[in-house]
Amino acid sequence: MPPSDLVSTPEAAKALGVSPRTLQRYVTQGLVTPEITLPSGQYRWNVAKLRRQIGIADED
């Protein structure tokens, strides 16, 4: 997957309509898995995969 398909946690949270902290909490609780975790500990997300993880249909 090209890196351009990946977004930061704030961008992914905005796409889902939740706060970045909520998305981070989902990771901690094991509800979602980021596409990659950078060496700095920051997450990068594929929004379409994230939506599938939480059961939201993709927007076309």
N, C-alpha and C. Protein backbone atom coordinates (compact mmCIF):
# COMPACT_ATOMS: atom_id res chain seq x y z
N MET A 1 0.85 -1.18 0.00
CA MET A 1 0.00 0.00 0.00
C MET A 1 0.88 1.23 0.00
N PRO A 2 0.63 2.15 -0.88
CA PRO A 2 1.42 3.39 -0.89
C PRO A 2 1.19 4.19 0.39
N PRO A 3 2.24 4.80 0.93
CA PRO A 3 2.07 5.59 2.15
C PRO A 3 1.03 6.69 2.02
N SER A 4 0.76 7.15 0.81
CA SER A 4 -0.22 8.23 0.64
C SER A 4 -1.63 7.79 1.01
N ASP A 5 -1.87 6.48 1.10
CA ASP A 5 -3.18 5.98 1.50
C ASP A 5 -3.37 6.01 3.01
N LEU A 6 -2.31 6.33 3.73
CA LEU A 6 -2.36 6.29 5.19
C LEU A 6 -2.50 7.70 5.75
N VAL A 7 -3.28 7.79 6.83
CA VAL A 7 -3.51 9.09 7.46
C VAL A 7 -3.14 9.01 8.93
N SER A 8 -2.97 10.17 9.54
CA SER A 8 -2.64 10.26 10.97
C SER A 8 -3.88 9.95 11.81
N THR A 9 -3.66 9.78 13.10
CA THR A 9 -4.78 9.52 14.01
C THR A 9 -5.80 10.65 14.01
N PRO A 10 -5.39 11.93 14.06
CA PRO A 10 -6.41 12.98 14.01
C PRO A 10 -7.24 12.95 12.73
N GLU A 11 -6.59 12.67 11.59
CA GLU A 11 -7.32 12.61 10.33
C GLU A 11 -8.28 11.41 10.30
N ALA A 12 -7.82 10.28 10.79
CA ALA A 12 -8.67 9.08 10.83
C ALA A 12 -9.86 9.31 11.77
N ALA A 13 -9.60 9.91 12.92
CA ALA A 13 -10.67 10.17 13.88
C ALA A 13 -11.72 11.11 13.27
N LYS A 14 -11.26 12.13 12.56
CA LYS A 14 -12.19 13.06 11.92
C LYS A 14 -13.06 12.34 10.90
N ALA A 15 -12.46 11.43 10.14
CA ALA A 15 -13.20 10.67 9.13
C ALA A 15 -14.28 9.80 9.77
N LEU A 16 -14.05 9.38 11.02
CA LEU A 16 -15.02 8.54 11.72
C LEU A 16 -16.00 9.34 12.56
N GLY A 17 -15.68 10.61 12.78
CA GLY A 17 -16.54 11.43 13.63
C GLY A 17 -16.33 11.21 15.11
N VAL A 18 -15.11 10.81 15.48
CA VAL A 18 -14.77 10.63 16.90
C VAL A 18 -13.55 11.48 17.20
N SER A 19 -13.21 11.60 18.46
CA SER A 19 -12.01 12.36 18.83
C SER A 19 -10.78 11.48 18.65
N PRO A 20 -9.62 12.10 18.45
CA PRO A 20 -8.38 11.31 18.37
C PRO A 20 -8.16 10.47 19.63
N ARG A 21 -8.52 11.02 20.77
CA ARG A 21 -8.35 10.28 22.03
C ARG A 21 -9.23 9.03 22.04
N THR A 22 -10.43 9.13 21.50
CA THR A 22 -11.31 7.96 21.43
C THR A 22 -10.68 6.89 20.55
N LEU A 23 -10.12 7.28 19.41
CA LEU A 23 -9.49 6.31 18.53
C LEU A 23 -8.29 5.67 19.22
N GLN A 24 -7.50 6.44 19.95
CA GLN A 24 -6.38 5.89 20.70
C GLN A 24 -6.87 4.91 21.76
N ARG A 25 -7.99 5.24 22.39
CA ARG A 25 -8.57 4.34 23.40
C ARG A 25 -9.01 3.03 22.75
N TYR A 26 -9.58 3.10 21.55
CA TYR A 26 -9.97 1.89 20.82
C TYR A 26 -8.76 0.98 20.60
N VAL A 27 -7.61 1.57 20.28
CA VAL A 27 -6.39 0.78 20.08
C VAL A 27 -6.00 0.11 21.38
N THR A 28 -5.98 0.88 22.47
CA THR A 28 -5.60 0.34 23.77
C THR A 28 -6.52 -0.81 24.18
N GLN A 29 -7.79 -0.69 23.85
CA GLN A 29 -8.77 -1.73 24.22
C GLN A 29 -8.76 -2.90 23.25
N GLY A 30 -7.97 -2.81 22.19
CA GLY A 30 -7.88 -3.89 21.22
C GLY A 30 -9.04 -3.95 20.24
N LEU A 31 -9.78 -2.86 20.13
CA LEU A 31 -10.94 -2.84 19.23
C LEU A 31 -10.55 -2.59 17.78
N VAL A 32 -9.44 -1.87 17.57
CA VAL A 32 -8.95 -1.58 16.23
C VAL A 32 -7.44 -1.72 16.22
N THR A 33 -6.89 -1.93 15.03
CA THR A 33 -5.45 -2.05 14.85
C THR A 33 -5.01 -1.09 13.76
N PRO A 34 -4.04 -0.21 14.06
CA PRO A 34 -3.57 0.70 13.02
C PRO A 34 -2.86 -0.06 11.92
N GLU A 35 -2.80 0.54 10.74
CA GLU A 35 -2.09 -0.08 9.61
C GLU A 35 -0.61 -0.23 9.95
N ILE A 36 -0.01 0.84 10.47
CA ILE A 36 1.38 0.77 10.92
C ILE A 36 1.55 1.63 12.17
N THR A 37 2.56 1.30 12.94
CA THR A 37 2.97 2.13 14.07
C THR A 37 4.39 2.60 13.77
N LEU A 38 4.56 3.89 13.72
CA LEU A 38 5.87 4.47 13.42
C LEU A 38 6.82 4.27 14.59
N PRO A 39 8.13 4.35 14.36
CA PRO A 39 9.09 4.23 15.47
C PRO A 39 8.81 5.23 16.60
N SER A 40 8.21 6.35 16.26
CA SER A 40 7.88 7.36 17.27
C SER A 40 6.67 6.97 18.12
N GLY A 41 5.98 5.88 17.72
CA GLY A 41 4.78 5.45 18.44
C GLY A 41 3.49 5.97 17.84
N GLN A 42 3.61 6.87 16.86
CA GLN A 42 2.41 7.39 16.21
C GLN A 42 1.83 6.33 15.27
N TYR A 43 0.51 6.38 15.10
CA TYR A 43 -0.18 5.43 14.25
C TYR A 43 -0.46 6.05 12.89
N ARG A 44 -0.56 5.18 11.88
CA ARG A 44 -1.02 5.57 10.56
C ARG A 44 -2.14 4.61 10.19
N TRP A 45 -3.17 5.16 9.60
CA TRP A 45 -4.41 4.42 9.35
C TRP A 45 -4.80 4.40 7.89
N ASN A 46 -5.36 3.30 7.45
CA ASN A 46 -6.07 3.21 6.19
C ASN A 46 -7.53 3.34 6.60
N VAL A 47 -8.17 4.44 6.23
CA VAL A 47 -9.52 4.74 6.72
C VAL A 47 -10.53 3.67 6.29
N ALA A 48 -10.41 3.16 5.06
CA ALA A 48 -11.36 2.13 4.61
C ALA A 48 -11.24 0.88 5.48
N LYS A 49 -10.02 0.46 5.80
CA LYS A 49 -9.83 -0.72 6.66
C LYS A 49 -10.31 -0.43 8.07
N LEU A 50 -10.06 0.78 8.56
CA LEU A 50 -10.51 1.15 9.89
C LEU A 50 -12.03 1.10 9.97
N ARG A 51 -12.70 1.61 8.96
CA ARG A 51 -14.17 1.56 8.94
C ARG A 51 -14.67 0.12 9.00
N ARG A 52 -14.01 -0.78 8.26
CA ARG A 52 -14.41 -2.19 8.29
C ARG A 52 -14.18 -2.79 9.68
N GLN A 53 -13.08 -2.40 10.33
CA GLN A 53 -12.78 -2.92 11.67
C GLN A 53 -13.88 -2.60 12.67
N ILE A 54 -14.47 -1.42 12.53
CA ILE A 54 -15.50 -1.03 13.50
C ILE A 54 -16.92 -1.20 12.96
N GLY A 55 -17.01 -1.78 11.76
CA GLY A 55 -18.32 -2.13 11.23
C GLY A 55 -19.07 -0.99 10.57
N ILE A 56 -18.33 0.00 10.03
CA ILE A 56 -18.96 1.10 9.30
C ILE A 56 -18.72 0.88 7.82
N ALA A 57 -19.76 0.94 7.03
CA ALA A 57 -19.62 0.77 5.58
C ALA A 57 -18.82 1.91 4.98
N ASP A 58 -18.04 1.61 3.96
CA ASP A 58 -17.28 2.64 3.26
C ASP A 58 -18.22 3.62 2.60
N GLU A 59 -17.82 4.89 2.60
CA GLU A 59 -18.59 5.91 1.89
C GLU A 59 -18.07 5.98 0.46
N ASP A 60 -18.96 5.88 -0.50
CA ASP A 60 -18.54 5.93 -1.90
C ASP A 60 -18.60 7.32 -2.45
